[in-house]
Amino acid sequence: MEELRNPGIAPARRLAILGGTPAFAEPLHVGRPNIGDKGQFMARVSDILDLRWLTNNGPVVREFEQRIADHVGVKHCVAMCNATVALEIAYKAVGFAGEVILPSYTFVATAHALQWQGITPVFADIDPATHNIDPAAVERLITPRTTGIVGVHVWGRACDTEALADIAARHGLTVVYDAAHAFGCSHRGRMIGNFGACEVFSFHATKFVNSFEGGAVVTNDDALAERMRLMRNFGFMGLDRVEHLGMNGKMPEVCAAMGLTSLDAMDGIVAANRRNAETYRKAFQDLPGIDLCQFSEIERHNHQYVVAEVDGDTCPLTRDELIAVLHADNVRARRYFWPGCHGMEPYRTLQPDAGAGLPCTQRVSERVLVLPTGQSIDSQTVQTVVNIIRSATECADEVRAALTQAASGGVSP
């Protein structure tokens, strides 16, 4: 793959970890926000200001909800101020209590939204091939206190929804999906958003479609949608009539304006993500011990994440050593979702033995490396990132010595 080498890249001895100048002057983040058409966004903001309807389920939020519902093919979309609040409201609205089974291999908000409400998260292991919750592990963890299952569509790749639905039906449980990664993705020809009692999307700034901060719950259940609409607005039905326990989970109009602008740009963002993913795939073909996660070509996918697994037995450097190399060169690669929720507080204190039942979670969390993509990344940038990794693996002993010196208090690379 010599043709992929960028002639502007310094040789191995010039890696920043070895004292060279960083390849990038500014940090290159995994999820640098996609902006869309600034003119369209500013026009929407101007209309909002002219109307003076800034929040409280205004016309822009309602348009955003309708666009999401239409794209996913569901009856209801309930927009929220962020996806964590959306999870909290969804969990409460479906009646979760006692214990709920979910993967440890997820962003910690999936678990926090349960624990915050006094519900015990019970961590299940994952399928190492998909990084999604293992239905067999779920079934082993069911107790009389179990009320539900939370599946997470990691990297936008759908859970085994059929197996989870079967388990839930046999045990009288409710399934909710954390679909934070999966907007615009499909499973067996159906858009994600149509599974379980409801599904939760994230439109955080780092997501490929963003509303600055934001989230939404989608569902085909009329009663559940109505309950969540009440719950996101303090339980108000009308001006001064409170009919349900609630909180302030409303999405402001300006966030919905960004969401609409992002939806308008979605096809171009996905195309850029796809091009980047293909460039990474070709560039990594001859690098030992580094494999990119592949996604089905027959399903719709947003290609929001470029995910590599680093096999420390065959790659000259470990995942964490490569992270250190990349960070020195200003590539802010991430090790999602290390160490798993069970290794974070408060769970490592509340459930100190949970890790014993999560061998696949442990292994995957020690191997995954997430790399930058998005509209701000082009093919040359991708090749630069890969060449940093290539150069580091070609002089692994020198890199490891520099890392050891830094760790022991020597001169920082």
Protein backbone atom coordinates (compact mmCIF):
# COMPACT_ATOMS: atom_id res chain seq x y z
CA MET A 1 0.00 0.00 0.00
CA GLU A 2 2.94 2.31 -0.69
CA GLU A 3 0.69 4.57 -2.77
CA LEU A 4 -1.21 5.48 0.39
CA ARG A 5 1.82 6.99 2.02
CA ASN A 6 1.57 10.76 2.20
CA PRO A 7 4.90 12.28 1.07
CA GLY A 8 4.34 15.11 3.55
CA ILE A 9 4.40 12.71 6.52
CA ALA A 10 7.57 12.61 8.55
CA PRO A 11 9.38 9.27 8.79
CA ALA A 12 9.10 7.14 11.90
CA ARG A 13 11.91 8.98 13.74
CA ARG A 14 9.88 12.18 13.41
CA LEU A 15 6.75 10.94 15.19
CA ALA A 16 5.72 13.40 17.88
CA ILE A 17 5.97 10.65 20.48
CA LEU A 18 9.67 10.47 19.52
CA GLY A 19 10.23 14.21 19.72
CA GLY A 20 9.00 15.36 16.32
CA THR A 21 6.47 18.06 15.50
CA PRO A 22 2.82 16.93 15.79
CA ALA A 23 1.27 16.03 12.44
CA PHE A 24 -1.72 18.28 13.18
CA ALA A 25 -1.46 21.79 14.57
CA GLU A 26 -4.91 21.53 16.19
CA PRO A 27 -6.57 18.52 17.82
CA LEU A 28 -8.28 16.20 15.34
CA HIS A 29 -11.32 14.91 17.23
CA VAL A 30 -13.33 11.75 16.65
CA GLY A 31 -16.62 13.63 16.56
CA ARG A 32 -15.97 17.16 15.31
CA PRO A 33 -19.44 18.61 14.68
CA ASN A 34 -20.94 18.62 11.20
CA ILE A 35 -22.45 22.07 10.66
CA GLY A 36 -24.57 21.96 7.51
CA ASP A 37 -25.65 25.12 5.70
CA LYS A 38 -24.95 28.09 7.99
CA GLY A 39 -27.21 30.35 5.92
CA GLN A 40 -30.16 28.00 6.34
CA PHE A 41 -29.54 27.76 10.06
CA MET A 42 -29.28 31.51 10.54
CA ALA A 43 -32.47 32.04 8.54
CA ARG A 44 -34.29 29.64 10.83
CA VAL A 45 -32.90 31.39 13.91
CA SER A 46 -34.04 34.74 12.53
CA ASP A 47 -37.56 33.37 12.07
CA ILE A 48 -37.53 32.06 15.65
CA LEU A 49 -36.49 35.43 17.01
CA ASP A 50 -39.09 37.23 14.92
CA LEU A 51 -41.81 34.90 16.19
CA ARG A 52 -40.48 35.16 19.78
CA TRP A 53 -41.38 31.52 20.45
CA LEU A 54 -38.12 30.21 21.89
CA THR A 55 -39.20 27.02 23.68
CA ASN A 56 -42.30 25.16 24.96
CA ASN A 57 -43.04 22.90 21.98
CA GLY A 58 -42.82 25.57 19.30
CA PRO A 59 -43.32 25.13 15.55
CA VAL A 60 -39.66 24.36 14.81
CA VAL A 61 -39.55 21.56 17.39
CA ARG A 62 -42.77 20.14 15.97
CA GLU A 63 -41.34 20.24 12.45
CA PHE A 64 -38.17 18.51 13.65
CA GLU A 65 -40.24 15.79 15.35
CA GLN A 66 -42.26 15.22 12.20
CA ARG A 67 -39.14 14.99 10.04
CA ILE A 68 -37.62 12.42 12.41
CA ALA A 69 -40.84 10.37 12.57
CA ASP A 70 -41.19 10.41 8.77
CA HIS A 71 -37.58 9.37 8.22
CA VAL A 72 -37.79 6.50 10.68
CA GLY A 73 -41.32 5.49 9.72
CA VAL A 74 -42.86 5.69 13.19
CA LYS A 75 -46.04 7.30 14.51
CA HIS A 76 -44.47 9.44 17.22
CA CYS A 77 -41.28 11.35 17.91
CA VAL A 78 -40.91 13.18 21.23
CA ALA A 79 -37.96 15.59 21.09
CA MET A 80 -35.98 16.20 24.29
CA CYS A 81 -33.28 18.56 25.51
CA ASN A 82 -30.73 15.73 25.42
CA ALA A 83 -30.61 11.96 25.07
CA THR A 84 -29.86 11.30 28.75
CA VAL A 85 -33.08 13.00 29.80
CA ALA A 86 -34.79 11.13 26.96
CA LEU A 87 -33.55 7.85 28.44
CA GLU A 88 -34.72 8.83 31.93
CA ILE A 89 -38.18 9.73 30.69
CA ALA A 90 -38.44 6.64 28.50
CA TYR A 91 -37.39 4.33 31.35
CA LYS A 92 -39.92 5.89 33.71
CA ALA A 93 -42.69 6.02 31.10
CA VAL A 94 -42.47 2.28 30.34
CA GLY A 95 -42.52 1.46 34.06
CA PHE A 96 -39.00 0.19 34.68
CA ALA A 97 -38.31 -0.62 38.34
CA GLY A 98 -36.28 -3.09 40.38
CA GLU A 99 -33.61 -4.46 38.03
CA VAL A 100 -33.04 -3.78 34.34
CA ILE A 101 -30.53 -5.72 32.22
CA LEU A 102 -28.26 -3.80 29.85
CA PRO A 103 -24.76 -4.09 28.42
CA SER A 104 -21.80 -2.72 30.33
CA TYR A 105 -20.27 -1.92 26.94
CA THR A 106 -22.06 1.39 26.36
CA PHE A 107 -21.76 5.06 27.17
CA VAL A 108 -22.30 5.47 30.90
CA ALA A 109 -25.50 7.52 30.46
CA THR A 110 -27.36 4.32 29.52
CA ALA A 111 -26.74 3.03 33.05
CA HIS A 112 -26.84 6.39 34.86
CA ALA A 113 -30.39 7.05 33.64
CA LEU A 114 -31.44 3.88 35.50
CA GLN A 115 -29.36 4.33 38.65
CA TRP A 116 -30.50 7.97 38.94
CA GLN A 117 -34.06 6.67 39.39
CA GLY A 118 -33.14 4.00 41.93
CA ILE A 119 -33.28 1.19 39.36
CA THR A 120 -30.45 -1.36 39.54
CA PRO A 121 -28.51 -1.78 36.28
CA VAL A 122 -27.59 -5.44 35.80
CA PHE A 123 -24.72 -5.73 33.34
CA ALA A 124 -24.79 -8.41 30.65
CA ASP A 125 -21.92 -9.50 28.44
CA ILE A 126 -21.74 -8.79 24.72
CA ASP A 127 -21.32 -10.70 21.49
CA PRO A 128 -17.64 -10.09 20.56
CA ALA A 129 -18.51 -10.15 16.84
CA THR A 130 -21.09 -7.33 16.99
CA HIS A 131 -20.24 -5.58 20.31
CA ASN A 132 -23.98 -5.70 21.11
CA ILE A 133 -25.67 -7.27 24.12
CA ASP A 134 -25.69 -11.09 24.07
CA PRO A 135 -29.28 -12.41 24.35
CA ALA A 136 -28.07 -15.63 26.02
CA ALA A 137 -26.32 -13.56 28.70
CA VAL A 138 -29.51 -11.54 29.20
CA GLU A 139 -31.59 -14.64 29.82
CA ARG A 140 -29.13 -15.94 32.42
CA LEU A 141 -29.46 -12.72 34.44
CA ILE A 142 -33.26 -12.57 34.73
CA THR A 143 -34.57 -12.65 38.30
CA PRO A 144 -37.99 -12.00 39.88
CA ARG A 145 -36.91 -8.33 40.23
CA THR A 146 -36.19 -7.88 36.52
CA THR A 147 -38.63 -5.54 34.75
CA GLY A 148 -36.86 -4.77 31.52
CA ILE A 149 -34.02 -4.97 29.03
CA VAL A 150 -32.12 -2.12 27.43
CA GLY A 151 -30.43 -2.99 24.15
CA VAL A 152 -27.80 -0.66 22.68
CA HIS A 153 -27.25 -0.57 18.91
CA VAL A 154 -23.49 -0.08 19.22
CA TRP A 155 -21.86 1.69 16.25
CA GLY A 156 -25.31 1.77 14.60
CA ARG A 157 -25.30 -2.01 14.13
CA ALA A 158 -28.64 -3.38 15.33
CA CYS A 159 -29.02 -5.66 18.32
CA ASP A 160 -30.55 -9.10 17.87
CA THR A 161 -33.98 -7.56 18.25
CA GLU A 162 -35.78 -10.80 17.47
CA ALA A 163 -34.04 -12.75 20.24
CA LEU A 164 -34.55 -9.95 22.76
CA ALA A 165 -38.24 -9.68 21.85
CA ASP A 166 -38.65 -13.42 22.35
CA ILE A 167 -36.97 -13.32 25.77
CA ALA A 168 -39.07 -10.34 26.82
CA ALA A 169 -42.31 -12.00 25.74
CA ARG A 170 -41.54 -15.23 27.60
CA HIS A 171 -40.61 -13.41 30.82
CA GLY A 172 -43.07 -10.52 30.74
CA LEU A 173 -40.41 -7.84 30.29
CA THR A 174 -40.27 -4.54 28.41
CA VAL A 175 -37.51 -3.74 25.92
CA VAL A 176 -36.20 -0.21 25.32
CA TYR A 177 -33.38 0.53 22.87
CA ASP A 178 -30.63 3.07 23.27
CA ALA A 179 -30.23 4.00 19.60
CA ALA A 180 -27.83 6.91 20.16
CA HIS A 181 -25.52 5.60 17.42
CA ALA A 182 -28.21 4.37 15.07
CA PHE A 183 -30.23 7.19 13.55
CA GLY A 184 -30.55 6.52 9.83
CA CYS A 185 -29.64 2.83 10.18
CA SER A 186 -31.78 -0.19 9.37
CA HIS A 187 -32.18 -3.79 10.51
CA ARG A 188 -33.57 -6.43 8.14
CA GLY A 189 -35.02 -3.68 6.02
CA ARG A 190 -36.78 -1.85 8.89
CA MET A 191 -35.46 1.46 10.14
CA ILE A 192 -34.07 1.41 13.65
CA GLY A 193 -36.64 3.20 15.78
CA ASN A 194 -39.33 0.59 15.16
CA PHE A 195 -38.20 -1.95 17.75
CA GLY A 196 -39.09 -2.49 21.39
CA ALA A 197 -41.51 -0.30 23.31
CA CYS A 198 -39.52 2.76 22.19
CA GLU A 199 -36.07 3.79 21.04
CA VAL A 200 -33.92 6.76 22.06
CA PHE A 201 -31.85 8.78 19.59
CA SER A 202 -29.08 11.23 20.41
CA PHE A 203 -28.57 14.47 18.51
CA HIS A 204 -25.60 15.62 20.57
CA ALA A 205 -23.08 17.87 18.82
CA THR A 206 -20.77 14.92 18.12
CA LYS A 207 -23.43 12.85 16.33
CA PHE A 208 -23.57 12.90 12.54
CA VAL A 209 -26.98 14.59 12.76
CA ASN A 210 -26.93 17.05 15.62
CA SER A 211 -29.10 19.68 17.28
CA PHE A 212 -26.25 21.15 19.39
CA GLU A 213 -27.64 19.23 22.38
CA GLY A 214 -30.69 17.08 21.93
CA GLY A 215 -32.35 13.70 21.88
CA ALA A 216 -35.66 12.11 21.01
CA VAL A 217 -37.77 9.08 21.83
CA VAL A 218 -39.60 7.39 18.96
CA THR A 219 -42.44 4.92 19.36
CA ASN A 220 -45.55 3.50 17.70
CA ASP A 221 -47.40 3.38 21.04
CA ASP A 222 -49.95 6.21 21.24
CA ALA A 223 -50.40 6.07 25.02
CA LEU A 224 -46.67 5.89 25.69
CA ALA A 225 -46.00 8.90 23.44
CA GLU A 226 -48.67 10.95 25.22
CA ARG A 227 -47.23 10.02 28.61
CA MET A 228 -43.72 11.08 27.56
CA ARG A 229 -45.00 14.40 26.20
CA LEU A 230 -46.53 15.10 29.60
CA MET A 231 -43.42 13.99 31.45
CA ARG A 232 -41.05 16.25 29.49
CA ASN A 233 -43.14 19.32 30.46
CA PHE A 234 -43.60 18.85 34.23
CA GLY A 235 -46.78 16.82 33.62
CA PHE A 236 -48.75 19.83 32.39
CA MET A 237 -51.91 19.25 30.38
CA GLY A 238 -53.04 22.75 29.47
CA LEU A 239 -52.02 25.98 31.17
CA ASP A 240 -52.41 25.11 34.84
CA ARG A 241 -53.44 21.47 35.05
CA VAL A 242 -50.76 18.97 36.06
CA GLU A 243 -51.76 15.38 35.35
CA HIS A 244 -48.48 13.47 35.68
CA LEU A 245 -45.13 13.53 37.44
CA GLY A 246 -42.67 15.24 35.13
CA MET A 247 -39.54 17.29 34.61
CA ASN A 248 -38.22 19.88 32.18
CA GLY A 249 -37.03 17.85 29.21
CA LYS A 250 -38.10 20.19 26.42
CA MET A 251 -35.96 20.91 23.36
CA PRO A 252 -35.52 24.65 22.64
CA GLU A 253 -36.46 26.00 19.21
CA VAL A 254 -32.89 26.98 18.31
CA CYS A 255 -31.72 23.39 18.87
CA ALA A 256 -34.49 22.11 16.62
CA ALA A 257 -33.39 24.64 14.00
CA MET A 258 -29.91 23.12 14.07
CA GLY A 259 -31.48 19.66 13.91
CA LEU A 260 -33.44 20.57 10.77
CA THR A 261 -30.34 22.08 9.17
CA SER A 262 -28.43 18.90 9.99
CA LEU A 263 -31.19 16.73 8.54
CA ASP A 264 -31.03 18.78 5.33
CA ALA A 265 -27.30 17.96 5.11
CA MET A 266 -27.60 14.33 6.19
CA ASP A 267 -27.03 12.67 2.81
CA GLY A 268 -23.82 14.60 2.26
CA ILE A 269 -22.57 13.80 5.77
CA VAL A 270 -23.22 10.09 5.31
CA ALA A 271 -21.47 10.16 1.93
CA ALA A 272 -18.41 11.80 3.52
CA ASN A 273 -18.41 9.25 6.34
CA ARG A 274 -18.66 6.41 3.83
CA ARG A 275 -15.73 7.77 1.79
CA ASN A 276 -13.62 8.12 4.91
CA ALA A 277 -14.47 4.59 6.03
CA GLU A 278 -13.45 3.18 2.66
CA THR A 279 -10.17 5.12 2.70
CA TYR A 280 -9.40 3.80 6.19
CA ARG A 281 -10.29 0.26 5.08
CA LYS A 282 -7.89 0.32 2.12
CA ALA A 283 -5.11 1.94 4.12
CA PHE A 284 -5.33 -0.62 6.92
CA GLN A 285 -5.33 -3.71 4.69
CA ASP A 286 -1.67 -4.57 5.16
CA LEU A 287 -1.25 -3.48 8.78
CA PRO A 288 -0.94 -6.53 11.06
CA GLY A 289 -3.25 -6.90 14.04
CA ILE A 290 -5.59 -4.00 13.22
CA ASP A 291 -9.06 -4.84 11.89
CA LEU A 292 -11.82 -2.37 11.06
CA CYS A 293 -15.39 -3.20 12.02
CA GLN A 294 -17.40 -3.92 8.90
CA PHE A 295 -21.07 -3.09 8.41
CA SER A 296 -23.66 -4.80 6.25
CA GLU A 297 -23.87 -3.49 2.69
CA ILE A 298 -27.53 -4.47 2.43
CA GLU A 299 -28.61 -2.29 5.35
CA ARG A 300 -28.70 1.47 5.63
CA HIS A 301 -25.89 2.79 7.80
CA ASN A 302 -24.66 6.23 8.86
CA HIS A 303 -20.93 5.28 9.08
CA GLN A 304 -20.76 7.63 12.04
CA TYR A 305 -17.86 5.79 13.65
CA VAL A 306 -14.64 4.31 12.30
CA VAL A 307 -13.94 1.48 14.74
CA ALA A 308 -10.77 -0.60 14.76
CA GLU A 309 -9.87 -3.56 16.96
CA VAL A 310 -6.22 -3.85 17.88
CA ASP A 311 -4.99 -7.37 18.57
CA GLY A 312 -2.09 -6.98 20.99
CA ASP A 313 -0.81 -10.46 20.11
CA THR A 314 -0.27 -9.70 16.41
CA CYS A 315 0.01 -5.90 16.30
CA PRO A 316 3.48 -4.63 17.29
CA LEU A 317 1.86 -2.12 19.67
CA THR A 318 -1.13 -2.38 21.99
CA ARG A 319 -4.26 -0.28 21.60
CA ASP A 320 -3.24 1.98 24.48
CA GLU A 321 0.25 2.46 23.06
CA LEU A 322 -1.27 3.49 19.72
CA ILE A 323 -3.59 5.90 21.54
CA ALA A 324 -0.55 7.55 23.14
CA VAL A 325 1.18 7.82 19.75
CA LEU A 326 -1.87 9.35 18.10
CA HIS A 327 -2.52 11.79 20.93
CA ALA A 328 1.05 13.04 20.72
CA ASP A 329 0.42 13.84 17.05
CA ASN A 330 -2.82 15.65 18.00
CA VAL A 331 -5.13 12.84 16.77
CA ARG A 332 -7.65 12.49 19.59
CA ALA A 333 -8.55 8.85 18.95
CA ARG A 334 -10.77 7.30 21.62
CA ARG A 335 -11.00 3.96 23.38
CA TYR A 336 -14.80 3.65 23.55
CA PHE A 337 -16.18 2.27 25.89
CA TRP A 338 -13.29 1.43 28.17
CA PRO A 339 -13.46 0.12 30.84
CA GLY A 340 -17.19 -0.55 30.54
CA CYS A 341 -19.82 0.89 32.87
CA HIS A 342 -19.08 -1.77 35.48
CA GLY A 343 -15.56 -0.32 35.84
CA MET A 344 -16.84 3.20 36.53
CA GLU A 345 -18.38 4.76 39.60
CA PRO A 346 -20.72 4.18 41.23
CA TYR A 347 -20.94 0.70 39.70
CA ARG A 348 -17.46 -0.55 40.50
CA THR A 349 -18.24 0.13 44.18
CA LEU A 350 -21.86 -1.07 44.14
CA GLN A 351 -21.13 -4.16 42.03
CA PRO A 352 -17.44 -4.99 42.57
CA ASP A 353 -17.78 -8.52 41.17
CA ALA A 354 -19.67 -7.62 37.99
CA GLY A 355 -16.58 -7.87 35.80
CA ALA A 356 -16.24 -11.61 36.48
CA GLY A 357 -19.27 -12.24 34.29
CA LEU A 358 -18.17 -9.93 31.46
CA PRO A 359 -15.16 -11.53 29.73
CA CYS A 360 -16.13 -10.42 26.22
CA THR A 361 -16.82 -6.89 27.40
CA GLN A 362 -13.39 -6.78 29.04
CA ARG A 363 -11.63 -8.07 25.93
CA VAL A 364 -13.40 -5.77 23.47
CA SER A 365 -12.99 -2.68 25.67
CA GLU A 366 -9.23 -3.28 25.71
CA ARG A 367 -9.01 -3.55 21.91
CA VAL A 368 -11.30 -0.92 20.41
CA LEU A 369 -9.82 2.21 18.86
CA VAL A 370 -12.18 4.85 17.40
CA LEU A 371 -10.73 7.17 14.77
CA PRO A 372 -11.74 10.60 13.41
CA THR A 373 -14.29 10.97 10.61
CA GLY A 374 -16.98 13.40 9.48
CA GLN A 375 -17.23 16.23 6.95
CA SER A 376 -14.14 18.01 8.30
CA ILE A 377 -11.98 14.96 7.46
CA ASP A 378 -10.72 14.29 3.93
CA SER A 379 -8.78 11.42 2.34
CA GLN A 380 -5.40 13.05 2.93
CA THR A 381 -6.22 13.47 6.62
CA VAL A 382 -7.23 9.81 6.86
CA GLN A 383 -3.99 8.76 5.17
CA THR A 384 -2.01 10.93 7.57
CA VAL A 385 -3.67 9.24 10.56
CA VAL A 386 -2.98 5.78 9.15
CA ASN A 387 0.62 6.67 8.34
CA ILE A 388 1.17 7.72 11.95
CA ILE A 389 -0.04 4.28 13.04
CA ARG A 390 2.04 2.58 10.33
CA SER A 391 5.21 4.45 11.30
CA ALA A 392 4.66 3.65 14.98
CA THR A 393 4.28 -0.07 14.32
CA GLU A 394 7.41 -0.06 12.15
CA CYS A 395 9.51 1.27 15.04
CA ALA A 396 7.54 -0.28 17.89
CA ASP A 397 10.56 -0.86 20.13
CA GLU A 398 11.60 2.79 19.94
CA VAL A 399 8.04 3.95 20.60
CA ARG A 400 7.65 1.63 23.56
CA ALA A 401 10.95 2.82 25.02
CA ALA A 402 9.79 6.45 24.74
CA LEU A 403 6.49 5.60 26.43
CA THR A 404 8.30 3.73 29.22
CA GLN A 405 10.63 6.67 29.79
CA ALA A 406 7.71 9.08 29.95
CA ALA A 407 5.82 6.85 32.38
CA SER A 408 8.85 6.57 34.67
CA GLY A 409 9.18 10.33 34.94
CA GLY A 410 11.63 10.91 32.13
CA VAL A 411 11.31 13.64 29.55
CA SER A 412 7.80 13.69 28.14
CA PRO A 413 7.66 12.89 24.41
